[in-house]
């Protein structure tokens, strides 16, 4: 799971999104509410030798950080080929 910026990623690369059945609340690391997420897309992603399909929720992020991988993905142990 990850997060993608609406302008920098979705609009720039014309990524087609799907609507969530129910909006999801967004909270910052300090617990502050920042609105809700209503769209998502999946993207086959390759990092090094590892390839997997990642679900990205569309939200507003910094242009300098247009994609963020979620904690579940970052906690996975590295795979050895």
Protein backbone atom coordinates (compact mmCIF):
# COMPACT_ATOMS: atom_id res chain seq x y z
CA UNK A 1 0.00 0.00 0.00
CA UNK A 2 1.14 3.53 -0.72
CA UNK A 3 -0.01 7.07 -1.38
CA UNK A 4 0.24 9.13 -4.59
CA UNK A 5 -0.10 12.87 -5.16
CA UNK A 6 -3.12 13.84 -7.25
CA UNK A 7 -1.38 16.50 -9.37
CA UNK A 8 2.19 15.22 -9.59
CA UNK A 9 1.31 11.57 -10.30
CA UNK A 10 -2.33 10.99 -11.27
CA UNK A 11 -2.89 14.01 -13.51
CA UNK A 12 0.64 14.26 -14.96
CA UNK A 13 0.73 10.60 -16.03
CA UNK A 14 -3.01 10.31 -16.81
CA UNK A 15 -3.47 7.39 -14.43
CA UNK A 16 -7.00 6.03 -14.36
CA UNK A 17 -8.33 5.65 -10.85
CA UNK A 18 -11.22 3.83 -9.23
CA UNK A 19 -13.57 5.22 -6.59
CA UNK A 20 -13.51 3.76 -3.09
CA UNK A 21 -16.85 2.43 -1.88
CA UNK A 22 -16.46 4.60 1.24
CA UNK A 23 -14.10 7.55 1.73
CA UNK A 24 -11.16 6.90 4.07
CA UNK A 25 -10.08 9.50 6.60
CA UNK A 26 -6.53 10.81 6.31
CA UNK A 27 -4.51 11.48 9.46
CA UNK A 28 -1.01 12.90 9.54
CA UNK A 29 1.75 11.30 11.60
CA UNK A 30 0.86 13.57 14.52
CA UNK A 31 -2.80 12.48 14.40
CA UNK A 32 -4.11 15.67 12.75
CA UNK A 33 -7.06 15.03 10.37
CA UNK A 34 -6.43 16.09 6.76
CA UNK A 35 -9.62 15.25 4.86
CA UNK A 36 -10.46 12.00 3.11
CA UNK A 37 -9.35 9.75 0.27
CA UNK A 38 -11.89 8.78 -2.37
CA UNK A 39 -9.74 7.33 -5.21
CA UNK A 40 -7.11 4.63 -5.70
CA UNK A 41 -5.17 2.83 -8.41
CA UNK A 42 -2.90 -0.20 -8.62
CA UNK A 43 0.49 -0.16 -10.26
CA UNK A 44 2.97 -2.92 -10.99
CA UNK A 45 6.15 -1.66 -9.37
CA UNK A 46 9.70 -2.97 -9.66
CA UNK A 47 12.35 -2.04 -7.11
CA UNK A 48 15.65 -3.78 -7.77
CA UNK A 49 14.81 -7.40 -8.56
CA UNK A 50 11.48 -7.32 -6.69
CA UNK A 51 8.22 -6.75 -8.61
CA UNK A 52 4.77 -6.49 -7.09
CA UNK A 53 1.44 -4.76 -7.65
CA UNK A 54 0.95 -1.95 -5.15
CA UNK A 55 -2.30 -0.22 -4.26
CA UNK A 56 -1.92 3.58 -4.13
CA UNK A 57 -4.46 5.89 -2.50
CA UNK A 58 -4.70 9.28 -4.23
CA UNK A 59 -4.31 12.31 -1.96
CA UNK A 60 -2.48 15.62 -1.76
CA UNK A 61 1.25 15.26 -1.15
CA UNK A 62 4.29 17.47 -1.59
CA UNK A 63 5.57 17.80 -5.15
CA UNK A 64 9.00 16.85 -3.83
CA UNK A 65 7.57 13.56 -2.47
CA UNK A 66 4.88 12.48 -4.97
CA UNK A 67 4.79 8.82 -3.86
CA UNK A 68 4.95 7.31 -0.40
CA UNK A 69 5.11 3.57 0.28
CA UNK A 70 3.08 2.58 3.34
CA UNK A 71 4.49 1.00 6.48
CA UNK A 72 3.28 -2.56 5.67
CA UNK A 73 5.37 -2.54 2.49
CA UNK A 74 8.41 -1.04 4.18
CA UNK A 75 8.28 -3.65 6.98
CA UNK A 76 8.51 -6.59 4.55
CA UNK A 77 11.84 -8.39 4.73
CA UNK A 78 13.96 -8.08 1.58
CA UNK A 79 13.70 -11.02 -0.80
CA UNK A 80 16.83 -12.81 -1.87
CA UNK A 81 16.87 -13.99 -5.50
